[in-house]
């Protein structure tokens, strides 16, 4: 049996359309802004934002809460 079109993905209690992307919501932590998920033909894929290593001793997360940067 063949599908009539692209399949949606279920993540938690929500459904997402093919090629749709989102930041997952994980109770009790809330929305995970440093992780991006996307739906590809009925399969959910998630990836954490990759950050370059900070080269200073006390990096800050002012501009981007996911990645630390030197001042």
N, C-alpha and C. Protein backbone atom coordinates (compact mmCIF):
# COMPACT_ATOMS: atom_id res chain seq x y z
N UNK A 1 0.84 -1.18 0.00
CA UNK A 1 0.00 0.00 0.00
C UNK A 1 0.88 1.24 0.00
N UNK A 2 0.55 2.19 -0.84
CA UNK A 2 1.34 3.41 -0.95
C UNK A 2 0.57 4.58 -0.36
N UNK A 3 1.30 5.49 0.27
CA UNK A 3 0.67 6.68 0.85
C UNK A 3 0.27 7.65 -0.25
N UNK A 4 -0.80 8.40 -0.01
CA UNK A 4 -1.27 9.37 -0.99
C UNK A 4 -0.41 10.61 -1.04
N UNK A 5 0.32 10.90 0.02
CA UNK A 5 1.15 12.10 0.06
C UNK A 5 2.13 12.00 1.21
N UNK A 6 2.86 13.07 1.47
CA UNK A 6 3.83 13.06 2.56
C UNK A 6 3.14 12.82 3.90
N UNK A 7 3.78 12.05 4.75
CA UNK A 7 3.21 11.73 6.05
C UNK A 7 3.61 12.78 7.08
N UNK A 8 2.76 12.93 8.08
CA UNK A 8 3.03 13.85 9.18
C UNK A 8 3.78 13.12 10.28
N UNK A 9 4.30 13.88 11.24
CA UNK A 9 5.04 13.31 12.37
C UNK A 9 4.32 13.66 13.66
N UNK A 10 4.35 12.74 14.59
CA UNK A 10 3.79 13.01 15.91
C UNK A 10 4.94 13.15 16.88
N UNK A 11 4.92 14.24 17.65
CA UNK A 11 5.91 14.47 18.70
C UNK A 11 5.15 14.90 19.93
N UNK A 12 5.19 14.09 20.97
CA UNK A 12 4.38 14.36 22.14
C UNK A 12 2.92 14.23 21.78
N UNK A 13 2.15 15.26 22.05
CA UNK A 13 0.72 15.24 21.73
C UNK A 13 0.39 16.01 20.45
N UNK A 14 1.40 16.50 19.76
CA UNK A 14 1.17 17.33 18.57
C UNK A 14 1.56 16.60 17.30
N UNK A 15 0.93 16.98 16.22
CA UNK A 15 1.27 16.48 14.89
C UNK A 15 1.91 17.61 14.10
N UNK A 16 2.92 17.27 13.31
CA UNK A 16 3.64 18.25 12.48
C UNK A 16 3.62 17.77 11.04
N UNK A 17 3.47 18.71 10.13
CA UNK A 17 3.43 18.38 8.70
C UNK A 17 4.82 18.04 8.18
N UNK A 18 4.87 17.35 7.05
CA UNK A 18 6.13 17.05 6.41
C UNK A 18 6.89 18.35 6.14
N UNK A 19 8.16 18.37 6.42
CA UNK A 19 9.07 19.53 6.26
C UNK A 19 8.85 20.63 7.29
N UNK A 20 7.98 20.44 8.25
CA UNK A 20 7.78 21.44 9.31
C UNK A 20 8.87 21.27 10.37
N UNK A 21 9.32 22.38 10.95
CA UNK A 21 10.34 22.31 12.01
C UNK A 21 9.81 23.00 13.26
N UNK A 22 10.36 22.61 14.41
CA UNK A 22 9.90 23.15 15.69
C UNK A 22 10.95 22.91 16.76
N UNK A 23 10.83 23.67 17.85
CA UNK A 23 11.63 23.44 19.05
C UNK A 23 10.77 22.56 19.95
N UNK A 24 11.27 21.41 20.37
CA UNK A 24 10.43 20.51 21.16
C UNK A 24 10.11 21.07 22.53
N UNK A 25 8.94 20.70 23.03
CA UNK A 25 8.51 21.05 24.37
C UNK A 25 8.62 19.79 25.21
N UNK A 26 9.41 19.84 26.27
CA UNK A 26 9.65 18.68 27.11
C UNK A 26 9.30 19.03 28.55
N UNK A 27 8.16 18.51 29.06
CA UNK A 27 7.83 18.76 30.46
C UNK A 27 8.84 18.06 31.35
N UNK A 28 9.25 18.58 32.45
CA UNK A 28 8.86 19.85 33.06
C UNK A 28 9.79 20.99 32.66
N UNK A 29 10.64 20.80 31.66
CA UNK A 29 11.64 21.81 31.29
C UNK A 29 11.10 22.90 30.38
N UNK A 30 10.05 22.63 29.63
CA UNK A 30 9.49 23.61 28.71
C UNK A 30 10.09 23.48 27.32
N UNK A 31 10.04 24.57 26.58
CA UNK A 31 10.54 24.57 25.21
C UNK A 31 12.07 24.49 25.20
N UNK A 32 12.60 23.59 24.42
CA UNK A 32 14.05 23.39 24.31
C UNK A 32 14.56 24.20 23.11
N UNK A 33 14.89 25.47 23.35
CA UNK A 33 15.26 26.38 22.27
C UNK A 33 16.58 26.03 21.60
N UNK A 34 17.41 25.22 22.24
CA UNK A 34 18.71 24.86 21.66
C UNK A 34 18.63 23.58 20.83
N UNK A 35 17.43 23.02 20.73
CA UNK A 35 17.21 21.81 19.93
C UNK A 35 16.18 22.13 18.85
N UNK A 36 16.44 21.67 17.63
CA UNK A 36 15.52 21.86 16.53
C UNK A 36 15.11 20.49 16.01
N UNK A 37 13.81 20.29 15.86
CA UNK A 37 13.29 19.05 15.29
C UNK A 37 12.61 19.37 13.97
N UNK A 38 12.53 18.39 13.09
CA UNK A 38 11.85 18.56 11.83
C UNK A 38 11.27 17.22 11.39
N UNK A 39 10.24 17.30 10.56
CA UNK A 39 9.52 16.12 10.09
C UNK A 39 9.94 15.84 8.65
N UNK A 40 10.36 14.59 8.40
CA UNK A 40 10.76 14.16 7.05
C UNK A 40 10.03 12.86 6.74
N UNK A 41 9.03 12.93 5.89
CA UNK A 41 8.27 11.75 5.44
C UNK A 41 7.81 10.87 6.59
N UNK A 42 7.27 11.48 7.64
CA UNK A 42 6.73 10.73 8.75
C UNK A 42 7.72 10.39 9.84
N UNK A 43 8.98 10.77 9.69
CA UNK A 43 10.00 10.51 10.71
C UNK A 43 10.47 11.81 11.32
N UNK A 44 10.53 11.85 12.66
CA UNK A 44 11.00 13.03 13.37
C UNK A 44 12.51 12.94 13.56
N UNK A 45 13.20 14.02 13.23
CA UNK A 45 14.64 14.14 13.43
C UNK A 45 14.89 15.36 14.31
N UNK A 46 15.78 15.24 15.28
CA UNK A 46 16.10 16.35 16.17
C UNK A 46 17.61 16.49 16.27
N UNK A 47 18.06 17.74 16.42
CA UNK A 47 19.49 18.00 16.56
C UNK A 47 19.70 19.20 17.47
N UNK A 48 20.67 19.05 18.36
CA UNK A 48 21.06 20.16 19.25
C UNK A 48 21.91 21.14 18.45
N UNK A 49 21.74 22.43 18.70
CA UNK A 49 22.53 23.44 18.03
C UNK A 49 24.00 23.23 18.37
N UNK A 50 24.84 23.18 17.36
CA UNK A 50 26.27 23.00 17.59
C UNK A 50 26.92 24.36 17.84
N UNK A 51 27.79 24.40 18.84
CA UNK A 51 28.44 25.64 19.22
C UNK A 51 29.96 25.46 19.16
N UNK A 52 30.65 26.49 18.65
CA UNK A 52 32.11 26.42 18.70
C UNK A 52 32.58 26.54 20.15
N UNK A 53 33.69 25.91 20.50
CA UNK A 53 34.17 26.01 21.88
C UNK A 53 34.60 27.44 22.21
N UNK A 54 34.28 27.89 23.42
CA UNK A 54 34.70 29.22 23.87
C UNK A 54 36.17 29.15 24.29
N UNK A 55 36.93 30.14 23.90
CA UNK A 55 38.37 30.12 24.18
C UNK A 55 38.76 30.96 25.40
N UNK A 56 37.79 31.57 26.08
CA UNK A 56 38.10 32.38 27.26
C UNK A 56 37.74 31.62 28.53
N UNK A 57 38.11 32.20 29.67
CA UNK A 57 37.86 31.51 30.94
C UNK A 57 36.44 31.71 31.48
N UNK A 58 35.79 32.83 31.14
CA UNK A 58 34.42 33.06 31.62
C UNK A 58 33.53 33.55 30.47
N UNK A 59 33.08 32.63 29.63
CA UNK A 59 32.22 33.02 28.50
C UNK A 59 30.82 33.42 28.95
N UNK A 60 30.15 34.23 28.15
CA UNK A 60 28.80 34.70 28.45
C UNK A 60 27.83 34.17 27.39
N UNK A 61 26.55 34.12 27.75
CA UNK A 61 25.52 33.64 26.83
C UNK A 61 24.52 34.77 26.54
N UNK A 62 25.01 35.96 26.33
CA UNK A 62 24.13 37.12 26.16
C UNK A 62 23.32 37.07 24.86
N UNK A 63 23.98 37.00 23.73
CA UNK A 63 23.30 37.07 22.44
C UNK A 63 22.59 35.76 22.08
N UNK A 64 23.20 34.65 22.43
CA UNK A 64 22.65 33.35 22.08
C UNK A 64 22.63 32.48 23.35
N UNK A 65 21.46 32.19 23.89
CA UNK A 65 21.40 31.40 25.13
C UNK A 65 21.90 29.97 24.97
N UNK A 66 22.07 29.50 23.75
CA UNK A 66 22.52 28.12 23.51
C UNK A 66 24.04 28.01 23.46
N UNK A 67 24.70 29.06 23.03
CA UNK A 67 26.16 29.02 22.84
C UNK A 67 26.85 30.10 23.66
N UNK A 68 27.91 29.73 24.32
CA UNK A 68 28.69 30.69 25.10
C UNK A 68 29.70 31.38 24.19
N UNK A 69 29.88 32.69 24.39
CA UNK A 69 30.85 33.48 23.61
C UNK A 69 31.69 34.30 24.56
N UNK A 70 32.90 34.57 24.13
CA UNK A 70 33.78 35.43 24.92
C UNK A 70 33.36 36.88 24.75
N UNK A 71 33.55 37.66 25.79
CA UNK A 71 33.18 39.09 25.74
C UNK A 71 34.19 39.91 25.00
